[in-house]
Amino acid sequence: MDHLVELLRRPALDGRTLCMGILNITPDSFHDGGAYLQMDKALAQFDLLVEQGADMIDIGGMSSRPGHTKISAQEELQRILPVIERCAERSTIPMSVDTDREEVAAAVLSAGVRILNDCSGRLDSPLFALAARTQAPIVIMHRHGVEGRHANIVEEVMAFFSNAMAAARAVGVQDEQFILDPGLGFHKNVEENIALVKAIPRLHSFGRPLLIGYSHKRFVAALSGEVPGNAPMGNAALAACCVQNGAQIVRVHEPDLF
């Protein structure tokens, strides 16, 4: 059986939560911006994530934090493609790329990436057609609205997932390709993020793996009283909640602390 397919099926069978390690090749990410821009440092961090027990690694070339600087697709590829090619030579661990651009996603799939992490939040995402053509798993993430002004954040996220999956199916994406991410921290306040963590069991109604990305986000630091962007105690608490509620995948900066 294909290793990636086995990974994505196994959580539904044995209850294990998988770990997606984060490798940001960016100067402005909120936790580790600029730390891995040099090839040797990026490869060392990749090796460390594998050593710490990551089941898959998500690579990003453009920050998606609030207020991030938009760059061209060419610059995004210049940051990540050489790293992806080198990482693919040193490990068979599945890699994903966090992007909203079809040209970037297509190029990294050709370089060995296995999972599309669509951070666009769009119902007309161009990555849907690419996922249909390549049969790559695709992460669908919610990132809509105004922080603190959602009438019912859980119902809104569930409606978004339903509509996004329908739009993707319409261009040929199969149900087994979907991974769903409620987008913690994206246009949501502390209470809304907590509501979504508590609602993980409800989000299982879609029958697809849930990816929860909480690592070091501002709301985590607010809960734990730590510094925004560096909240290890808060991370540990959120990890426990996600595991207890049955999240299939968590996206973290330090797999050994999960």
C-alpha atoms as a PDB file:
ATOM      1  CA  MET A   1       0.000   0.000   0.000  1.00  0.00           C
ATOM      2  CA  ASP A   2       1.193   3.491  -0.785  1.00  0.00           C
ATOM      3  CA  HIS A   3       2.875   4.982   2.318  1.00  0.00           C
ATOM      4  CA  LEU A   4       0.955   8.252   2.210  1.00  0.00           C
ATOM      5  CA  VAL A   5      -2.406   6.587   1.676  1.00  0.00           C
ATOM      6  CA  GLU A   6      -1.637   4.293   4.594  1.00  0.00           C
ATOM      7  CA  LEU A   7      -0.800   7.278   6.816  1.00  0.00           C
ATOM      8  CA  LEU A   8      -4.031   9.074   5.984  1.00  0.00           C
ATOM      9  CA  ARG A   9      -6.181   5.990   6.439  1.00  0.00           C
ATOM     10  CA  ARG A  10      -4.590   4.741   9.638  1.00  0.00           C
ATOM     11  CA  PRO A  11      -5.880   7.446  12.028  1.00  0.00           C
ATOM     12  CA  ALA A  12      -9.463   6.489  11.255  1.00  0.00           C
ATOM     13  CA  LEU A  13      -8.596   2.904  12.138  1.00  0.00           C
ATOM     14  CA  ASP A  14      -6.494   3.163  15.280  1.00  0.00           C
ATOM     15  CA  GLY A  15      -7.119   6.661  16.644  1.00  0.00           C
ATOM     16  CA  ARG A  16      -3.516   7.832  16.259  1.00  0.00           C
ATOM     17  CA  THR A  17      -2.880  11.537  15.747  1.00  0.00           C
ATOM     18  CA  LEU A  18      -0.283  12.199  13.045  1.00  0.00           C
ATOM     19  CA  CYS A  19       2.259  14.996  13.270  1.00  0.00           C
ATOM     20  CA  MET A  20       2.894  17.432  10.414  1.00  0.00           C
ATOM     21  CA  GLY A  21       6.145  19.303  11.022  1.00  0.00           C
ATOM     22  CA  ILE A  22       6.491  22.901   9.783  1.00  0.00           C
ATOM     23  CA  LEU A  23       9.431  24.172   7.737  1.00  0.00           C
ATOM     24  CA  ASN A  24       9.085  27.845   6.792  1.00  0.00           C
ATOM     25  CA  ILE A  25      11.470  29.186   4.151  1.00  0.00           C
ATOM     26  CA  THR A  26      10.308  32.737   4.821  1.00  0.00           C
ATOM     27  CA  PRO A  27      11.719  35.936   6.346  1.00  0.00           C
ATOM     28  CA  ASP A  28       8.469  36.988   8.036  1.00  0.00           C
ATOM     29  CA  SER A  29       6.680  33.990   9.555  1.00  0.00           C
ATOM     30  CA  PHE A  30       5.492  34.781  13.070  1.00  0.00           C
ATOM     31  CA  HIS A  31       7.441  32.063  14.941  1.00  0.00           C
ATOM     32  CA  ASP A  32      10.565  31.288  12.925  1.00  0.00           C
ATOM     33  CA  GLY A  33      10.769  33.896  10.163  1.00  0.00           C
ATOM     34  CA  GLY A  34      14.241  34.025   8.628  1.00  0.00           C
ATOM     35  CA  ALA A  35      15.609  31.042  10.563  1.00  0.00           C
ATOM     36  CA  TYR A  36      15.826  28.658   7.594  1.00  0.00           C
ATOM     37  CA  LEU A  37      16.445  30.842   4.545  1.00  0.00           C
ATOM     38  CA  GLN A  38      19.916  29.363   4.031  1.00  0.00           C
ATOM     39  CA  MET A  39      20.002  25.890   2.483  1.00  0.00           C
ATOM     40  CA  ASP A  40      22.155  24.299   5.180  1.00  0.00           C
ATOM     41  CA  LYS A  41      19.857  25.546   7.930  1.00  0.00           C
ATOM     42  CA  ALA A  42      16.732  24.454   6.055  1.00  0.00           C
ATOM     43  CA  LEU A  43      18.116  20.948   5.548  1.00  0.00           C
ATOM     44  CA  ALA A  44      19.240  20.714   9.161  1.00  0.00           C
ATOM     45  CA  GLN A  45      15.741  21.664  10.321  1.00  0.00           C
ATOM     46  CA  PHE A  46      14.182  19.156   7.920  1.00  0.00           C
ATOM     47  CA  ASP A  47      16.423  16.431   9.353  1.00  0.00           C
ATOM     48  CA  LEU A  48      15.517  17.513  12.886  1.00  0.00           C
ATOM     49  CA  LEU A  49      11.788  17.346  12.161  1.00  0.00           C
ATOM     50  CA  VAL A  50      12.233  13.811  10.826  1.00  0.00           C
ATOM     51  CA  GLU A  51      14.351  12.854  13.845  1.00  0.00           C
ATOM     52  CA  GLN A  52      11.742  14.266  16.226  1.00  0.00           C
ATOM     53  CA  GLY A  53       9.084  12.004  14.748  1.00  0.00           C
ATOM     54  CA  ALA A  54       7.185  14.048  12.166  1.00  0.00           C
ATOM     55  CA  ASP A  55       4.964  11.859   9.970  1.00  0.00           C
ATOM     56  CA  MET A  56       4.966  14.472   7.204  1.00  0.00           C
ATOM     57  CA  ILE A  57       6.515  17.910   6.674  1.00  0.00           C
ATOM     58  CA  ASP A  58       4.774  21.059   5.432  1.00  0.00           C
ATOM     59  CA  ILE A  59       7.017  23.525   3.597  1.00  0.00           C
ATOM     60  CA  GLY A  60       6.050  27.163   3.081  1.00  0.00           C
ATOM     61  CA  GLY A  61       7.624  29.879   0.962  1.00  0.00           C
ATOM     62  CA  MET A  62       5.287  32.764   1.747  1.00  0.00           C
ATOM     63  CA  SER A  63       3.927  33.641   5.165  1.00  0.00           C
ATOM     64  CA  SER A  64       0.144  33.523   5.542  1.00  0.00           C
ATOM     65  CA  ARG A  65       0.066  35.396   8.867  1.00  0.00           C
ATOM     66  CA  PRO A  66      -2.057  38.553   9.134  1.00  0.00           C
ATOM     67  CA  GLY A  67      -0.254  41.448   7.471  1.00  0.00           C
ATOM     68  CA  HIS A  68       2.173  39.231   5.566  1.00  0.00           C
ATOM     69  CA  THR A  69       4.063  40.551   2.567  1.00  0.00           C
ATOM     70  CA  LYS A  70       2.788  39.196  -0.750  1.00  0.00           C
ATOM     71  CA  ILE A  71       5.519  37.981  -3.068  1.00  0.00           C
ATOM     72  CA  SER A  72       5.514  36.731  -6.643  1.00  0.00           C
ATOM     73  CA  ALA A  73       5.038  33.075  -7.515  1.00  0.00           C
ATOM     74  CA  GLN A  74       8.552  33.115  -8.959  1.00  0.00           C
ATOM     75  CA  GLU A  75      10.059  34.263  -5.668  1.00  0.00           C
ATOM     76  CA  GLU A  76       7.994  31.730  -3.733  1.00  0.00           C
ATOM     77  CA  LEU A  77       9.355  28.939  -5.945  1.00  0.00           C
ATOM     78  CA  GLN A  78      12.906  30.264  -5.704  1.00  0.00           C
ATOM     79  CA  ARG A  79      12.672  29.932  -1.941  1.00  0.00           C
ATOM     80  CA  ILE A  80      11.179  26.463  -1.692  1.00  0.00           C
ATOM     81  CA  LEU A  81      11.906  24.441  -4.834  1.00  0.00           C
ATOM     82  CA  PRO A  82      15.649  23.916  -4.253  1.00  0.00           C
ATOM     83  CA  VAL A  83      14.930  22.921  -0.647  1.00  0.00           C
ATOM     84  CA  ILE A  84      12.214  20.481  -1.692  1.00  0.00           C
ATOM     85  CA  GLU A  85      14.494  18.866  -4.264  1.00  0.00           C
ATOM     86  CA  ARG A  86      17.256  18.377  -1.686  1.00  0.00           C
ATOM     87  CA  CYS A  87      14.854  17.108   0.957  1.00  0.00           C
ATOM     88  CA  ALA A  88      13.362  14.586  -1.478  1.00  0.00           C
ATOM     89  CA  GLU A  89      16.881  13.194  -1.992  1.00  0.00           C
ATOM     90  CA  ARG A  90      17.451  12.598   1.715  1.00  0.00           C
ATOM     91  CA  SER A  91      14.097  11.196   2.900  1.00  0.00           C
ATOM     92  CA  THR A  92      10.922   9.505   1.693  1.00  0.00           C
ATOM     93  CA  ILE A  93       8.794  11.289   4.309  1.00  0.00           C
ATOM     94  CA  PRO A  94       5.683  12.804   2.649  1.00  0.00           C
ATOM     95  CA  MET A  95       5.958  16.550   2.062  1.00  0.00           C
ATOM     96  CA  SER A  96       3.218  19.117   1.586  1.00  0.00           C
ATOM     97  CA  VAL A  97       3.463  22.728   0.467  1.00  0.00           C
ATOM     98  CA  ASP A  98       1.463  25.581   1.954  1.00  0.00           C
ATOM     99  CA  THR A  99       0.451  27.739  -1.030  1.00  0.00           C
ATOM    100  CA  ASP A 100      -2.535  29.237  -2.841  1.00  0.00           C
ATOM    101  CA  ARG A 101      -0.964  29.344  -6.315  1.00  0.00           C
ATOM    102  CA  GLU A 102      -1.517  26.726  -8.981  1.00  0.00           C
ATOM    103  CA  GLU A 103       1.842  27.289 -10.677  1.00  0.00           C
ATOM    104  CA  VAL A 104       3.690  26.859  -7.397  1.00  0.00           C
ATOM    105  CA  ALA A 105       1.688  23.769  -6.469  1.00  0.00           C
ATOM    106  CA  ALA A 106       2.225  22.165  -9.874  1.00  0.00           C
ATOM    107  CA  ALA A 107       5.988  22.742  -9.754  1.00  0.00           C
ATOM    108  CA  VAL A 108       6.426  21.289  -6.271  1.00  0.00           C
ATOM    109  CA  LEU A 109       4.328  18.225  -7.075  1.00  0.00           C
ATOM    110  CA  SER A 110       6.739  17.535  -9.931  1.00  0.00           C
ATOM    111  CA  ALA A 111       9.632  17.861  -7.444  1.00  0.00           C
ATOM    112  CA  GLY A 112       8.316  15.226  -5.047  1.00  0.00           C
ATOM    113  CA  VAL A 113       5.698  16.944  -2.877  1.00  0.00           C
ATOM    114  CA  ARG A 114       2.733  14.670  -2.166  1.00  0.00           C
ATOM    115  CA  ILE A 115       0.106  16.867  -0.465  1.00  0.00           C
ATOM    116  CA  LEU A 116      -1.388  20.218  -1.492  1.00  0.00           C
ATOM    117  CA  ASN A 117      -1.990  22.468   1.509  1.00  0.00           C
ATOM    118  CA  ASP A 118      -4.379  25.029  -0.003  1.00  0.00           C
ATOM    119  CA  CYS A 119      -4.252  28.122   2.204  1.00  0.00           C
ATOM    120  CA  SER A 120      -6.485  30.213  -0.080  1.00  0.00           C
ATOM    121  CA  GLY A 121      -9.821  29.549   1.622  1.00  0.00           C
ATOM    122  CA  ARG A 122     -11.460  29.963  -1.793  1.00  0.00           C
ATOM    123  CA  LEU A 123     -14.462  28.057  -3.082  1.00  0.00           C
ATOM    124  CA  ASP A 124     -13.067  28.519  -6.602  1.00  0.00           C
ATOM    125  CA  SER A 125      -9.484  27.577  -5.773  1.00  0.00           C
ATOM    126  CA  PRO A 126      -7.357  26.738  -8.828  1.00  0.00           C
ATOM    127  CA  LEU A 127      -5.734  24.016  -6.749  1.00  0.00           C
ATOM    128  CA  PHE A 128      -8.937  21.932  -6.965  1.00  0.00           C
ATOM    129  CA  ALA A 129      -8.434  21.197 -10.658  1.00  0.00           C
ATOM    130  CA  LEU A 130      -4.770  20.428 -10.039  1.00  0.00           C
ATOM    131  CA  ALA A 131      -5.701  17.980  -7.278  1.00  0.00           C
ATOM    132  CA  ALA A 132      -8.181  16.324  -9.629  1.00  0.00           C
ATOM    133  CA  ARG A 133      -5.548  15.915 -12.376  1.00  0.00           C
ATOM    134  CA  THR A 134      -2.822  14.615 -10.062  1.00  0.00           C
ATOM    135  CA  GLN A 135      -4.974  12.800  -7.464  1.00  0.00           C
ATOM    136  CA  ALA A 136      -2.896  14.461  -4.726  1.00  0.00           C
ATOM    137  CA  PRO A 137      -4.478  14.819  -1.284  1.00  0.00           C
ATOM    138  CA  ILE A 138      -5.568  18.419  -0.699  1.00  0.00           C
ATOM    139  CA  VAL A 139      -6.004  20.357   2.525  1.00  0.00           C
ATOM    140  CA  ILE A 140      -9.013  22.684   2.488  1.00  0.00           C
ATOM    141  CA  MET A 141      -8.719  25.485   5.056  1.00  0.00           C
ATOM    142  CA  HIS A 142     -11.270  27.970   6.376  1.00  0.00           C
ATOM    143  CA  ARG A 143     -10.055  31.586   6.606  1.00  0.00           C
ATOM    144  CA  HIS A 144     -13.059  33.875   6.249  1.00  0.00           C
ATOM    145  CA  GLY A 145     -14.852  36.623   8.123  1.00  0.00           C
ATOM    146  CA  VAL A 146     -13.884  39.140  10.773  1.00  0.00           C
ATOM    147  CA  GLU A 147     -12.287  38.133  14.066  1.00  0.00           C
ATOM    148  CA  GLY A 148     -14.856  38.051  16.855  1.00  0.00           C
ATOM    149  CA  ARG A 149     -17.801  38.725  14.548  1.00  0.00           C
ATOM    150  CA  HIS A 150     -18.817  35.258  13.391  1.00  0.00           C
ATOM    151  CA  ALA A 151     -22.442  34.532  14.289  1.00  0.00           C
ATOM    152  CA  ASN A 152     -21.649  30.852  14.846  1.00  0.00           C
ATOM    153  CA  ILE A 153     -18.098  29.908  13.921  1.00  0.00           C
ATOM    154  CA  VAL A 154     -18.656  26.147  14.063  1.00  0.00           C
ATOM    155  CA  GLU A 155     -21.673  26.241  11.748  1.00  0.00           C
ATOM    156  CA  GLU A 156     -19.820  28.615   9.421  1.00  0.00           C
ATOM    157  CA  VAL A 157     -16.813  26.315   9.158  1.00  0.00           C
ATOM    158  CA  MET A 158     -19.015  23.286   8.576  1.00  0.00           C
ATOM    159  CA  ALA A 159     -20.906  25.099   5.808  1.00  0.00           C
ATOM    160  CA  PHE A 160     -17.607  26.161   4.229  1.00  0.00           C
ATOM    161  CA  PHE A 161     -16.281  22.609   4.239  1.00  0.00           C
ATOM    162  CA  SER A 162     -19.501  21.338   2.664  1.00  0.00           C
ATOM    163  CA  ASN A 163     -19.433  23.992  -0.066  1.00  0.00           C
ATOM    164  CA  ALA A 164     -15.709  23.691  -0.749  1.00  0.00           C
ATOM    165  CA  MET A 165     -15.854  19.912  -1.032  1.00  0.00           C
ATOM    166  CA  ALA A 166     -18.801  20.215  -3.413  1.00  0.00           C
ATOM    167  CA  ALA A 167     -16.892  22.709  -5.574  1.00  0.00           C
ATOM    168  CA  ALA A 168     -13.844  20.460  -5.635  1.00  0.00           C
ATOM    169  CA  ARG A 169     -15.909  17.374  -6.462  1.00  0.00           C
ATOM    170  CA  ALA A 170     -17.428  19.290  -9.377  1.00  0.00           C
ATOM    171  CA  VAL A 171     -13.996  19.468 -11.055  1.00  0.00           C
ATOM    172  CA  GLY A 172     -13.100  15.864 -10.297  1.00  0.00           C
ATOM    173  CA  VAL A 173     -11.581  15.709  -6.786  1.00  0.00           C
ATOM    174  CA  GLN A 174     -12.460  12.457  -5.013  1.00  0.00           C
ATOM    175  CA  ASP A 175     -13.601  12.311  -1.394  1.00  0.00           C
ATOM    176  CA  GLU A 176     -10.557  10.297  -0.298  1.00  0.00           C
ATOM    177  CA  GLN A 177      -8.309  13.233  -1.288  1.00  0.00           C
ATOM    178  CA  PHE A 178      -9.801  15.704   1.211  1.00  0.00           C
ATOM    179  CA  ILE A 179      -8.113  16.826   4.446  1.00  0.00           C
ATOM    180  CA  LEU A 180     -10.019  19.512   6.359  1.00  0.00           C
ATOM    181  CA  ASP A 181      -8.469  22.371   8.358  1.00  0.00           C
ATOM    182  CA  PRO A 182     -10.734  24.737  10.360  1.00  0.00           C
ATOM    183  CA  GLY A 183      -8.045  27.441  10.170  1.00  0.00           C
ATOM    184  CA  LEU A 184      -7.364  28.210  13.810  1.00  0.00           C
ATOM    185  CA  GLY A 185      -6.076  31.756  14.196  1.00  0.00           C
ATOM    186  CA  PHE A 186      -7.240  32.956  10.788  1.00  0.00           C
ATOM    187  CA  HIS A 187      -9.806  35.755  11.321  1.00  0.00           C
ATOM    188  CA  LYS A 188     -10.901  34.171  14.620  1.00  0.00           C
ATOM    189  CA  ASN A 189     -10.594  35.388  18.196  1.00  0.00           C
ATOM    190  CA  VAL A 190      -9.719  33.306  21.262  1.00  0.00           C
ATOM    191  CA  GLU A 191     -13.298  32.219  21.945  1.00  0.00           C
ATOM    192  CA  GLU A 192     -13.903  31.241  18.319  1.00  0.00           C
ATOM    193  CA  ASN A 193     -10.726  29.176  18.214  1.00  0.00           C
ATOM    194  CA  ILE A 194     -11.679  27.405  21.437  1.00  0.00           C
ATOM    195  CA  ALA A 195     -15.130  26.681  20.035  1.00  0.00           C
ATOM    196  CA  LEU A 196     -13.575  25.008  17.008  1.00  0.00           C
ATOM    197  CA  VAL A 197     -11.241  22.855  19.109  1.00  0.00           C
ATOM    198  CA  LYS A 198     -14.229  21.732  21.174  1.00  0.00           C
ATOM    199  CA  ALA A 199     -16.131  21.041  17.942  1.00  0.00           C
ATOM    200  CA  ILE A 200     -13.541  18.633  16.508  1.00  0.00           C
ATOM    201  CA  PRO A 201     -15.863  15.667  17.208  1.00  0.00           C
ATOM    202  CA  ARG A 202     -18.620  17.398  15.196  1.00  0.00           C
ATOM    203  CA  LEU A 203     -16.233  18.097  12.333  1.00  0.00           C
ATOM    204  CA  HIS A 204     -15.635  14.349  12.094  1.00  0.00           C
ATOM    205  CA  SER A 205     -19.088  14.151  10.508  1.00  0.00           C
ATOM    206  CA  PHE A 206     -17.440  14.798   7.123  1.00  0.00           C
ATOM    207  CA  GLY A 207     -15.567  11.518   7.417  1.00  0.00           C
ATOM    208  CA  ARG A 208     -12.233  13.041   6.408  1.00  0.00           C
ATOM    209  CA  PRO A 209      -8.993  13.617   8.350  1.00  0.00           C
ATOM    210  CA  LEU A 210      -8.943  16.855  10.339  1.00  0.00           C
ATOM    211  CA  LEU A 211      -5.746  18.907  10.355  1.00  0.00           C
ATOM    212  CA  ILE A 212      -5.424  21.298  13.302  1.00  0.00           C
ATOM    213  CA  GLY A 213      -2.780  24.032  13.162  1.00  0.00           C
ATOM    214  CA  TYR A 214      -2.369  25.776  16.506  1.00  0.00           C
ATOM    215  CA  SER A 215       1.398  25.885  16.967  1.00  0.00           C
ATOM    216  CA  HIS A 216       2.551  29.065  18.769  1.00  0.00           C
ATOM    217  CA  LYS A 217      -0.358  31.129  17.449  1.00  0.00           C
ATOM    218  CA  ARG A 218      -1.423  34.325  19.166  1.00  0.00           C
ATOM    219  CA  PHE A 219      -4.568  32.843  20.710  1.00  0.00           C
ATOM    220  CA  VAL A 220      -2.510  30.013  22.237  1.00  0.00           C
ATOM    221  CA  ALA A 221      -0.225  32.521  23.957  1.00  0.00           C
ATOM    222  CA  ALA A 222      -3.290  34.435  25.173  1.00  0.00           C
ATOM    223  CA  LEU A 223      -4.628  31.275  26.788  1.00  0.00           C
ATOM    224  CA  SER A 224      -1.346  30.304  28.443  1.00  0.00           C
ATOM    225  CA  GLY A 225      -0.054  33.772  29.328  1.00  0.00           C
ATOM    226  CA  GLU A 226       3.061  33.308  27.180  1.00  0.00           C
ATOM    227  CA  VAL A 227       4.705  35.492  24.552  1.00  0.00           C
ATOM    228  CA  PRO A 228       2.875  35.551  21.191  1.00  0.00           C
ATOM    229  CA  GLY A 229       4.809  33.406  18.739  1.00  0.00           C
ATOM    230  CA  ASN A 230       6.503  31.374  21.488  1.00  0.00           C
ATOM    231  CA  ALA A 231       4.026  29.422  23.602  1.00  0.00           C
ATOM    232  CA  PRO A 232       5.337  25.932  24.462  1.00  0.00           C
ATOM    233  CA  MET A 233       3.042  25.470  27.473  1.00  0.00           C
ATOM    234  CA  GLY A 234       0.031  26.545  25.457  1.00  0.00           C
ATOM    235  CA  ASN A 235       1.109  24.239  22.635  1.00  0.00           C
ATOM    236  CA  ALA A 236       1.208  21.295  25.041  1.00  0.00           C
ATOM    237  CA  ALA A 237      -2.288  22.070  26.309  1.00  0.00           C
ATOM    238  CA  LEU A 238      -3.719  22.427  22.789  1.00  0.00           C
ATOM    239  CA  ALA A 239      -2.014  19.186  21.718  1.00  0.00           C
ATOM    240  CA  ALA A 240      -3.722  17.334  24.557  1.00  0.00           C
ATOM    241  CA  CYS A 241      -7.111  18.803  23.612  1.00  0.00           C
ATOM    242  CA  CYS A 242      -6.675  17.926  19.939  1.00  0.00           C
ATOM    243  CA  VAL A 243      -5.644  14.346  20.698  1.00  0.00           C
ATOM    244  CA  GLN A 244      -8.464  13.905  23.202  1.00  0.00           C
ATOM    245  CA  ASN A 245     -10.995  15.183  20.658  1.00  0.00           C
ATOM    246  CA  GLY A 246      -9.682  12.874  17.951  1.00  0.00           C
ATOM    247  CA  ALA A 247      -7.861  15.198  15.532  1.00  0.00           C
ATOM    248  CA  GLN A 248      -6.120  13.065  12.936  1.00  0.00           C
ATOM    249  CA  ILE A 249      -3.267  15.494  12.129  1.00  0.00           C
ATOM    250  CA  VAL A 250      -1.668  18.353  14.063  1.00  0.00           C
ATOM    251  CA  ARG A 251       0.616  20.882  12.353  1.00  0.00           C
ATOM    252  CA  VAL A 252       3.459  21.897  14.708  1.00  0.00           C
ATOM    253  CA  HIS A 253       6.893  23.485  14.748  1.00  0.00           C
ATOM    254  CA  GLU A 254       8.414  21.006  17.257  1.00  0.00           C
ATOM    255  CA  PRO A 255       7.229  17.397  16.845  1.00  0.00           C
ATOM    256  CA  ASP A 256       9.105  16.308  19.963  1.00  0.00           C
ATOM    257  CA  LEU A 257       6.917  18.598  22.102  1.00  0.00           C
ATOM    258  CA  PHE A 258       3.695  17.201  20.670  1.00  0.00           C
END
